[in-house]
Amino acid sequence: MFQGTIPGPMRAIVRETAAGWPRGPVYVPCCGNFTIERSLPGMGFTLHSSDVSIYTTAIGRWLTRQPVGIRLRKESRDELDWLEGSLDDGVGTVATMMLGTRFLASVGRDGLWHERVVRSYRDQWKAKHAETVERLSSSDINLASYEVEDVRSWLQKVPRDAPVCSFPPFYSNGYEKLYEPLEAHFTWDAPQYEPLSDADVVDVLGAITDRPYWLTASNHDVPELQPYLRGVIKATPRAAPFYVYASEARTRIVAPRQPIEPVKAPRLREGDELVGPLTLSLLKPGQFNALRSRYLNPKIAPGAANLAVAVRDGDGRLLGVFAMAPSTFTPDEAYVLSDFAVAPTDYPRLSKLIVLAATSAEAQLLCQRAFSRRIRQVATTAFSNNPVSMKYRGLLHLNKRSPSNEDGWKFQLQYQGAMGQHTLAEALEIWAKRWGAPIVKTGV
């Protein structure tokens, strides 16, 4: 419900650390989505919070029974007049801000996907808004005060012996960019402030840590706070790590853990001849995790798959795996999260057969059943130190080549192609003719 919530283990550490603080007022600058406040209910603290964003201020003023003070801009009324009845200067306005973070970025933008997003929210607005209001009304957050004020000046008013807990933005314009769509369509009494410079960050950290009880966290390692590092949290394989610093706390390390299950099917091995016909078998998440950990390049961060499928030959031996998810932006597209072949075998181009199987008519049917939508094409991303991916070359079309945003790779390659243009039998025939020659081993 709250935008930008940090991982559950971080909230548990906040509560564990705060248990050793004296009961009384706790001050939370840069309170963002009130993660800290939601971590401390029932512990005997009176919570005082501050921030400068439109989203946080809407929630903070409502929680402290202040008028929210947010109105629809005149220039947005033609497109968003259906929102005005929901702006009640209280919980209705807060619900509108929360829902707005999900669709306002699409307002006024060209493209079928953006039009569909806005139309969906407009058509279902009353139900979605009422549901959000009901969920907000059951919140157990209790704030003693909330102020719209810059962290630098607000911290100067905080008593020197009072605990301070904060996750300040250590990157430039992070929240400004996040809530830009809200600012574009709503007006409020926004405060004037300057973004934090490097020197300001040092000053803010000094004001937070110059007291007996404090806790802060960042998704960047802060060298100035290294002596106070109390924990590192990486909740999922793709999540950015959180570094936790505190005056006093137990040391914690949180690392991702994925469940695995054994796959009892035999694998194609060196010396085995691949025979038809090909078949597809659904994999459980744990089975997919086990095979991915065994065969996929360890430098590729794993993701959660909606559909994981094993490719097997005529003798039931496992040849490889592909995993799919519905595309976020293209309704009739499936995104290939992962595809890999077993190894070692006598077939150096076996991975191309897995790609052919993943784009077959049989795979298309599995995707359509799993995603409840028509699927006509696939897309995927390859990371490589070469300008093309030899696995996808000749099978999918290279749409875009750009510098890699992942360490260890030079290029990020975007591929796309049609789905359902061949059957599994035809896939095996194509592969055998073009890439299926096995390695010929000769004795010495």
Protein backbone atom coordinates (compact mmCIF):
# COMPACT_ATOMS: atom_id res chain seq x y z
CA MET A 1 0.00 0.00 0.00
CA PHE A 2 2.83 2.42 0.83
CA GLN A 3 5.11 3.46 -2.03
CA GLY A 4 8.78 2.46 -1.87
CA THR A 5 8.61 0.22 1.22
CA ILE A 6 11.96 -1.26 2.28
CA PRO A 7 12.45 -5.00 2.90
CA GLY A 8 10.87 -6.79 5.85
CA PRO A 9 14.23 -7.73 7.45
CA MET A 10 15.11 -4.03 7.64
CA ARG A 11 11.90 -3.30 9.54
CA ALA A 12 12.67 -6.17 11.92
CA ILE A 13 16.12 -4.70 12.62
CA VAL A 14 14.59 -1.29 13.33
CA ARG A 15 12.24 -2.79 15.90
CA GLU A 16 14.98 -4.92 17.46
CA THR A 17 17.32 -1.93 17.78
CA ALA A 18 14.65 0.42 19.12
CA ALA A 19 13.84 -2.06 21.89
CA GLY A 20 17.03 -0.87 23.63
CA TRP A 21 16.13 2.83 23.46
CA PRO A 22 14.56 4.77 26.35
CA ARG A 23 10.81 5.10 26.01
CA GLY A 24 9.64 8.56 24.99
CA PRO A 25 9.91 10.69 21.84
CA VAL A 26 11.63 9.30 18.71
CA TYR A 27 12.35 11.61 15.79
CA VAL A 28 12.18 10.44 12.17
CA PRO A 29 13.45 12.91 9.54
CA CYS A 30 13.08 12.03 5.84
CA CYS A 31 10.30 9.65 6.89
CA GLY A 32 9.36 8.81 3.28
CA ASN A 33 6.75 6.05 3.33
CA PHE A 34 6.65 5.80 7.17
CA THR A 35 8.45 2.46 7.22
CA ILE A 36 10.12 3.29 10.54
CA GLU A 37 6.88 4.44 12.12
CA ARG A 38 5.16 1.24 10.96
CA SER A 39 7.94 -0.79 12.57
CA LEU A 40 7.45 0.67 16.07
CA PRO A 41 3.77 0.36 17.04
CA GLY A 42 3.03 -0.64 20.62
CA MET A 43 6.56 0.03 21.91
CA GLY A 44 5.75 3.11 23.99
CA PHE A 45 7.31 5.73 21.69
CA THR A 46 5.82 9.06 20.68
CA LEU A 47 6.78 9.53 17.05
CA HIS A 48 7.65 12.86 15.43
CA SER A 49 8.22 12.88 11.67
CA SER A 50 9.13 15.27 8.88
CA ASP A 51 9.61 15.25 5.12
CA VAL A 52 9.21 17.48 2.07
CA SER A 53 7.47 15.32 -0.58
CA ILE A 54 3.84 15.67 -1.65
CA TYR A 55 3.20 11.95 -1.13
CA THR A 56 4.63 11.79 2.38
CA THR A 57 3.00 15.05 3.41
CA ALA A 58 -0.43 13.81 2.36
CA ILE A 59 -0.04 10.78 4.64
CA GLY A 60 1.66 12.66 7.49
CA ARG A 61 -0.95 15.41 7.67
CA TRP A 62 -3.78 12.88 7.58
CA LEU A 63 -2.19 10.80 10.37
CA THR A 64 -1.88 13.92 12.55
CA ARG A 65 -5.40 15.13 11.68
CA GLN A 66 -4.22 18.15 9.72
CA PRO A 67 -5.90 19.30 6.49
CA VAL A 68 -4.00 17.61 3.66
CA GLY A 69 -4.14 20.73 1.47
CA ILE A 70 -3.70 19.13 -1.98
CA ARG A 71 -5.77 20.17 -4.99
CA LEU A 72 -5.97 19.20 -8.65
CA ARG A 73 -4.20 21.68 -10.93
CA LYS A 74 -6.42 23.68 -13.29
CA GLU A 75 -4.47 22.54 -16.32
CA SER A 76 -5.12 18.88 -15.39
CA ARG A 77 -8.89 19.12 -14.94
CA ASP A 78 -9.75 18.25 -18.54
CA GLU A 79 -7.96 14.90 -18.29
CA LEU A 80 -8.47 14.15 -14.59
CA ASP A 81 -11.77 15.76 -13.60
CA TRP A 82 -12.93 12.29 -12.45
CA LEU A 83 -10.51 12.56 -9.50
CA GLU A 84 -11.87 15.77 -8.00
CA GLY A 85 -14.71 14.08 -6.11
CA SER A 86 -12.14 11.97 -4.25
CA LEU A 87 -10.13 14.92 -2.88
CA ASP A 88 -11.72 15.41 0.54
CA ASP A 89 -8.69 16.97 2.29
CA GLY A 90 -8.40 13.79 4.32
CA VAL A 91 -8.15 10.05 3.78
CA GLY A 92 -9.72 10.32 0.32
CA THR A 93 -6.93 12.60 -0.83
CA VAL A 94 -4.32 10.25 0.63
CA ALA A 95 -5.88 7.31 -1.26
CA THR A 96 -5.79 9.38 -4.44
CA MET A 97 -2.08 10.11 -3.98
CA MET A 98 -1.31 6.43 -3.43
CA LEU A 99 -3.24 5.27 -6.48
CA GLY A 100 -1.85 8.16 -8.51
CA THR A 101 1.69 6.81 -8.15
CA ARG A 102 0.58 3.83 -10.23
CA PHE A 103 -1.00 5.51 -13.25
CA LEU A 104 -0.33 9.26 -13.42
CA ALA A 105 2.97 8.72 -15.24
CA SER A 106 0.90 7.41 -18.19
CA VAL A 107 -1.47 10.40 -18.39
CA GLY A 108 -0.99 12.37 -21.60
CA ARG A 109 1.53 9.89 -23.05
CA ASP A 110 1.16 8.24 -26.45
CA GLY A 111 0.98 4.49 -26.81
CA LEU A 112 -1.65 1.81 -26.40
CA TRP A 113 -0.19 0.61 -23.11
CA HIS A 114 -0.34 4.06 -21.48
CA GLU A 115 -3.87 4.64 -22.79
CA ARG A 116 -4.96 1.26 -21.43
CA VAL A 117 -3.50 1.96 -17.99
CA VAL A 118 -5.30 5.31 -17.64
CA ARG A 119 -8.58 3.92 -18.98
CA SER A 120 -8.42 0.98 -16.58
CA TYR A 121 -8.01 3.25 -13.53
CA ARG A 122 -10.71 5.65 -14.72
CA ASP A 123 -13.22 2.85 -15.30
CA GLN A 124 -12.50 1.20 -11.93
CA TRP A 125 -11.77 4.33 -9.93
CA LYS A 126 -14.66 4.25 -7.47
CA ALA A 127 -13.99 0.64 -6.46
CA LYS A 128 -10.20 1.04 -6.24
CA HIS A 129 -10.47 4.30 -4.31
CA ALA A 130 -13.00 2.88 -1.83
CA GLU A 131 -10.81 -0.20 -1.27
CA THR A 132 -7.73 1.96 -0.60
CA VAL A 133 -9.65 4.21 1.81
CA GLU A 134 -10.81 1.13 3.72
CA ARG A 135 -7.25 -0.22 4.00
CA LEU A 136 -5.91 3.14 5.13
CA SER A 137 -8.59 3.46 7.77
CA SER A 138 -7.36 0.27 9.41
CA SER A 139 -3.80 1.60 9.79
CA ASP A 140 -2.32 1.45 13.30
CA ILE A 141 0.30 4.20 12.83
CA ASN A 142 0.16 6.86 15.53
CA LEU A 143 2.10 10.09 14.98
CA ALA A 144 2.49 12.75 17.64
CA SER A 145 3.46 15.33 15.00
CA TYR A 146 4.36 15.80 11.36
CA GLU A 147 6.09 18.82 9.84
CA VAL A 148 6.86 19.76 6.26
CA GLU A 149 10.45 20.86 6.69
CA ASP A 150 13.90 20.26 5.26
CA VAL A 151 15.98 17.72 7.19
CA ARG A 152 18.82 20.19 7.80
CA SER A 153 16.74 22.72 9.68
CA TRP A 154 14.42 20.19 11.35
CA LEU A 155 17.28 18.23 12.93
CA GLN A 156 18.49 21.42 14.62
CA LYS A 157 15.27 21.45 16.68
CA VAL A 158 15.53 17.81 17.79
CA PRO A 159 16.69 17.37 21.42
CA ARG A 160 20.30 16.13 21.57
CA ASP A 161 19.49 13.18 23.83
CA ALA A 162 16.45 11.95 21.86
CA PRO A 163 16.73 8.89 19.56
CA VAL A 164 16.75 9.60 15.80
CA CYS A 165 16.00 7.00 13.17
CA SER A 166 16.14 7.89 9.49
CA PHE A 167 16.73 6.53 6.01
CA PRO A 168 17.74 9.74 4.22
CA PRO A 169 18.08 9.80 0.42
CA PHE A 170 21.79 9.62 -0.28
CA TYR A 171 21.26 9.93 -4.05
CA SER A 172 20.36 13.12 -5.92
CA ASN A 173 16.71 13.90 -6.74
CA GLY A 174 15.55 10.37 -5.93
CA TYR A 175 12.18 11.18 -4.38
CA GLU A 176 11.72 14.24 -6.60
CA LYS A 177 11.76 11.96 -9.64
CA LEU A 178 9.59 9.34 -7.97
CA TYR A 179 6.78 11.80 -7.20
CA GLU A 180 7.15 13.97 -10.30
CA PRO A 181 3.79 12.77 -11.77
CA LEU A 182 1.99 13.82 -8.57
CA GLU A 183 3.59 17.27 -8.65
CA ALA A 184 2.65 17.62 -12.33
CA HIS A 185 -1.08 17.23 -11.67
CA PHE A 186 -1.60 18.47 -8.10
CA THR A 187 -0.82 21.69 -6.31
CA TRP A 188 0.01 22.17 -2.62
CA ASP A 189 1.99 24.43 -0.30
CA ALA A 190 5.31 22.85 -1.26
CA PRO A 191 8.32 23.94 0.82
CA GLN A 192 11.38 25.58 -0.69
CA TYR A 193 14.60 23.63 -0.20
CA GLU A 194 17.85 22.77 -1.94
CA PRO A 195 18.77 19.16 -2.80
CA LEU A 196 21.41 17.68 -0.53
CA SER A 197 24.98 18.26 -1.70
CA ASP A 198 27.84 15.96 -0.71
CA ALA A 199 28.74 18.37 2.09
CA ASP A 200 25.11 18.48 3.24
CA VAL A 201 25.00 14.69 3.45
CA VAL A 202 28.00 14.75 5.77
CA ASP A 203 26.31 17.41 7.93
CA VAL A 204 23.04 15.44 8.07
CA LEU A 205 24.87 12.28 9.05
CA GLY A 206 26.70 14.21 11.74
CA ALA A 207 23.44 15.58 13.15
CA ILE A 208 21.88 12.11 13.18
CA THR A 209 24.86 10.32 14.74
CA ASP A 210 25.85 12.98 17.30
CA ARG A 211 23.61 11.53 20.00
CA PRO A 212 23.48 8.45 22.23
CA TYR A 213 20.77 6.57 20.26
CA TRP A 214 20.44 6.54 16.49
CA LEU A 215 19.95 4.28 13.48
CA THR A 216 20.26 5.00 9.79
CA ALA A 217 20.45 2.95 6.61
CA SER A 218 21.35 3.47 3.00
CA ASN A 219 21.59 1.51 -0.23
CA HIS A 220 25.15 2.88 -0.49
CA ASP A 221 28.10 1.98 1.69
CA VAL A 222 28.94 5.15 3.67
CA PRO A 223 32.66 5.23 4.49
CA GLU A 224 32.21 7.82 7.25
CA LEU A 225 29.97 5.39 9.16
CA GLN A 226 32.03 2.23 8.69
CA PRO A 227 32.79 1.88 12.45
CA TYR A 228 29.03 1.77 13.10
CA LEU A 229 28.09 -0.78 10.42
CA ARG A 230 25.67 -3.18 12.11
CA GLY A 231 24.18 -5.08 9.20
CA VAL A 232 23.97 -5.71 5.46
CA ILE A 233 20.64 -6.73 3.97
CA LYS A 234 20.11 -8.21 0.51
CA ALA A 235 16.57 -9.53 0.55
CA THR A 236 16.49 -10.94 -3.01
CA PRO A 237 19.18 -11.77 -5.59
CA ARG A 238 18.29 -8.70 -7.69
CA ALA A 239 17.71 -6.28 -4.81
CA ALA A 240 20.19 -3.54 -3.97
CA PRO A 241 21.88 -4.12 -0.60
CA PHE A 242 20.94 -2.03 2.43
CA TYR A 243 23.69 -1.00 4.83
CA VAL A 244 22.52 -0.50 8.41
CA TYR A 245 24.39 1.78 10.81
CA ALA A 246 23.53 2.34 14.47
CA SER A 247 24.99 3.59 17.72
CA GLU A 248 24.32 0.20 19.32
CA ALA A 249 22.74 -2.87 17.76
CA ARG A 250 23.26 -6.56 17.18
CA THR A 251 25.16 -7.45 14.01
CA ARG A 252 22.97 -8.91 11.28
CA ILE A 253 23.55 -10.24 7.77
CA VAL A 254 20.52 -11.00 5.60
CA ALA A 255 21.11 -12.88 2.36
CA PRO A 256 18.64 -14.28 -0.19
CA ARG A 257 17.69 -17.91 0.05
CA GLN A 258 15.94 -19.77 -2.73
CA PRO A 259 14.14 -23.09 -2.23
CA ILE A 260 15.35 -25.94 -4.43
CA GLU A 261 13.88 -29.34 -5.26
CA PRO A 262 15.58 -32.31 -6.92
CA VAL A 263 14.95 -33.02 -10.60
CA LYS A 264 15.05 -36.79 -11.05
CA ALA A 265 14.83 -36.81 -14.84
CA PRO A 266 18.05 -38.03 -16.52
CA ARG A 267 20.17 -35.42 -18.34
CA LEU A 268 21.74 -35.62 -21.77
CA ARG A 269 25.44 -36.27 -21.21
CA GLU A 270 28.65 -36.68 -23.16
CA GLY A 271 28.44 -39.75 -25.36
CA ASP A 272 24.59 -39.66 -25.51
CA GLU A 273 22.84 -39.25 -28.84
CA LEU A 274 19.96 -36.79 -28.89
CA VAL A 275 16.82 -38.40 -30.32
CA GLY A 276 13.32 -37.14 -31.06
CA PRO A 277 10.59 -36.34 -30.51
CA LEU A 278 10.98 -33.32 -28.23
CA THR A 279 8.57 -32.81 -25.34
CA LEU A 280 7.92 -30.01 -22.85
CA SER A 281 7.38 -30.52 -19.11
CA LEU A 282 6.38 -27.93 -16.52
CA LEU A 283 8.81 -27.37 -13.66
CA LYS A 284 8.07 -26.42 -10.07
CA PRO A 285 9.79 -23.22 -8.84
CA GLY A 286 12.19 -25.22 -6.68
CA GLN A 287 13.12 -27.49 -9.59
CA PHE A 288 13.75 -24.51 -11.84
CA ASN A 289 15.94 -22.91 -9.15
CA ALA A 290 18.00 -26.08 -8.83
CA LEU A 291 18.59 -26.40 -12.57
CA ARG A 292 19.30 -22.70 -12.97
CA SER A 293 21.89 -22.83 -10.19
CA ARG A 294 23.52 -25.84 -11.84
CA TYR A 295 23.70 -24.66 -15.45
CA LEU A 296 23.16 -20.89 -15.77
CA ASN A 297 26.07 -18.44 -15.74
CA PRO A 298 26.50 -17.41 -12.07
CA LYS A 299 27.11 -13.78 -13.09
CA ILE A 300 23.46 -13.53 -14.24
CA ALA A 301 21.18 -12.50 -11.38
CA PRO A 302 18.16 -14.85 -11.14
CA GLY A 303 14.58 -13.65 -11.38
CA ALA A 304 11.19 -15.12 -10.49
CA ALA A 305 9.53 -16.96 -13.39
CA ASN A 306 5.79 -17.25 -14.02
CA LEU A 307 6.32 -20.28 -16.23
CA ALA A 308 9.33 -22.64 -16.16
CA VAL A 309 9.56 -25.45 -18.71
CA ALA A 310 11.95 -28.37 -19.24
CA VAL A 311 12.82 -29.51 -22.77
CA ARG A 312 13.29 -33.30 -23.06
CA ASP A 313 14.27 -35.61 -25.89
CA GLY A 314 12.61 -38.83 -27.04
CA ASP A 315 14.28 -40.86 -24.30
CA GLY A 316 13.02 -38.48 -21.61
CA ARG A 317 16.45 -36.92 -21.01
CA LEU A 318 16.62 -33.28 -19.98
CA LEU A 319 18.11 -31.04 -22.70
CA GLY A 320 17.57 -27.64 -21.17
CA VAL A 321 15.14 -25.18 -19.61
CA PHE A 322 13.39 -21.94 -20.52
CA ALA A 323 11.41 -19.62 -18.25
CA MET A 324 8.84 -16.99 -19.25
CA ALA A 325 6.94 -14.06 -17.79
CA PRO A 326 4.26 -11.85 -19.38
CA SER A 327 5.68 -8.67 -20.88
CA THR A 328 5.02 -5.52 -18.88
CA PHE A 329 4.55 -3.17 -21.83
CA THR A 330 3.44 -5.36 -24.77
CA PRO A 331 0.21 -7.33 -24.17
CA ASP A 332 0.87 -10.08 -26.75
CA GLU A 333 4.50 -10.65 -25.82
CA ALA A 334 6.21 -13.15 -23.52
CA TYR A 335 9.53 -12.22 -21.95
CA VAL A 336 12.17 -14.95 -21.82
CA LEU A 337 13.70 -14.60 -18.37
CA SER A 338 16.10 -17.47 -18.80
CA ASP A 339 17.04 -20.20 -21.28
CA PHE A 340 19.92 -22.60 -20.99
CA ALA A 341 21.07 -26.05 -22.04
CA VAL A 342 22.47 -28.83 -19.88
CA ALA A 343 26.22 -29.48 -20.05
CA PRO A 344 28.53 -31.12 -20.83
CA THR A 345 27.20 -32.85 -23.98
CA ASP A 346 28.49 -33.67 -27.45
CA TYR A 347 26.40 -30.82 -28.95
CA PRO A 348 28.09 -27.39 -28.73
CA ARG A 349 25.03 -25.59 -30.17
CA LEU A 350 22.44 -27.30 -27.96
CA SER A 351 21.39 -23.91 -26.54
CA LYS A 352 19.94 -22.98 -29.95
CA LEU A 353 17.58 -25.95 -29.74
CA ILE A 354 16.29 -24.62 -26.40
CA VAL A 355 15.57 -21.23 -28.01
CA LEU A 356 13.73 -22.96 -30.87
CA ALA A 357 11.70 -24.95 -28.35
CA ALA A 358 10.90 -21.78 -26.39
CA THR A 359 9.45 -20.14 -29.52
CA SER A 360 7.50 -23.21 -30.70
CA ALA A 361 3.75 -23.51 -31.08
CA GLU A 362 3.65 -25.86 -28.09
CA ALA A 363 5.47 -23.30 -25.90
CA GLN A 364 3.12 -20.61 -27.19
CA LEU A 365 0.13 -22.63 -25.99
CA LEU A 366 1.69 -23.07 -22.53
CA CYS A 367 2.30 -19.31 -22.28
CA GLN A 368 -1.24 -18.46 -23.32
CA ARG A 369 -2.68 -20.81 -20.73
CA ALA A 370 -0.37 -19.51 -17.99
CA PHE A 371 -0.79 -15.78 -18.77
CA SER A 372 -4.46 -15.84 -19.88
CA ARG A 373 -3.71 -13.77 -22.96
CA ARG A 374 -2.84 -14.20 -26.62
CA ILE A 375 0.94 -14.45 -27.14
CA ARG A 376 2.41 -13.75 -30.56
CA GLN A 377 6.05 -12.86 -29.91
CA VAL A 378 8.91 -13.18 -27.44
CA ALA A 379 11.56 -10.77 -26.21
CA THR A 380 14.66 -11.23 -24.11
CA THR A 381 17.81 -9.48 -22.93
CA ALA A 382 21.28 -10.90 -23.35
CA PHE A 383 24.43 -9.68 -21.61
CA SER A 384 27.60 -10.30 -23.55
CA ASN A 385 31.15 -9.13 -24.13
CA ASN A 386 30.49 -9.52 -27.86
CA PRO A 387 28.30 -7.20 -29.98
CA VAL A 388 25.91 -10.08 -30.79
CA SER A 389 24.73 -13.18 -28.95
CA MET A 390 25.71 -16.31 -30.85
CA LYS A 391 22.88 -18.20 -29.13
CA TYR A 392 20.17 -15.93 -30.54
CA ARG A 393 21.86 -15.10 -33.85
CA GLY A 394 19.76 -16.44 -36.70
CA LEU A 395 16.79 -17.12 -34.41
CA LEU A 396 15.74 -13.74 -32.96
CA HIS A 397 16.09 -10.18 -34.22
CA LEU A 398 18.52 -7.82 -32.47
CA ASN A 399 16.48 -4.69 -31.71
CA LYS A 400 18.92 -2.72 -29.59
CA ARG A 401 22.53 -2.80 -28.49
CA SER A 402 23.65 -0.63 -25.57
CA PRO A 403 26.37 -0.55 -22.90
CA SER A 404 25.69 -3.08 -20.17
CA ASN A 405 24.23 -1.92 -16.87
CA GLU A 406 25.52 -5.12 -15.24
CA ASP A 407 29.11 -5.54 -14.04
CA GLY A 408 31.21 -8.01 -15.99
CA TRP A 409 29.60 -7.43 -19.40
CA LYS A 410 30.27 -4.94 -22.20
CA PHE A 411 26.94 -5.07 -24.02
CA GLN A 412 23.25 -5.33 -23.21
CA LEU A 413 21.42 -6.80 -26.20
CA GLN A 414 17.64 -6.64 -26.70
CA TYR A 415 16.20 -9.42 -28.88
CA GLN A 416 12.70 -10.03 -30.20
CA GLY A 417 11.07 -12.63 -32.43
CA ALA A 418 7.86 -14.33 -33.47
CA MET A 419 6.36 -17.19 -31.50
CA GLY A 420 4.44 -20.20 -32.77
CA GLN A 421 5.85 -20.24 -36.30
CA HIS A 422 7.11 -23.82 -35.95
CA THR A 423 6.31 -26.97 -33.97
CA LEU A 424 8.68 -28.89 -31.70
CA ALA A 425 9.16 -31.47 -34.46
CA GLU A 426 10.09 -28.72 -36.92
CA ALA A 427 12.37 -27.12 -34.31
CA LEU A 428 14.34 -30.36 -33.98
CA GLU A 429 14.54 -30.69 -37.76
CA ILE A 430 15.80 -27.10 -38.20
CA TRP A 431 18.35 -27.48 -35.44
CA ALA A 432 19.62 -30.86 -36.63
CA LYS A 433 20.13 -29.51 -40.14
CA ARG A 434 21.92 -26.27 -39.20
CA TRP A 435 23.49 -26.65 -35.76
CA GLY A 436 23.02 -30.26 -34.59
CA ALA A 437 26.33 -31.78 -35.64
CA PRO A 438 27.94 -33.42 -32.59
CA ILE A 439 31.59 -33.14 -31.68
CA VAL A 440 33.54 -35.97 -33.24
CA LYS A 441 36.03 -37.36 -30.75
CA THR A 442 38.93 -39.37 -32.01
CA GLY A 443 41.20 -41.59 -29.96
CA VAL A 444 44.93 -40.88 -29.74
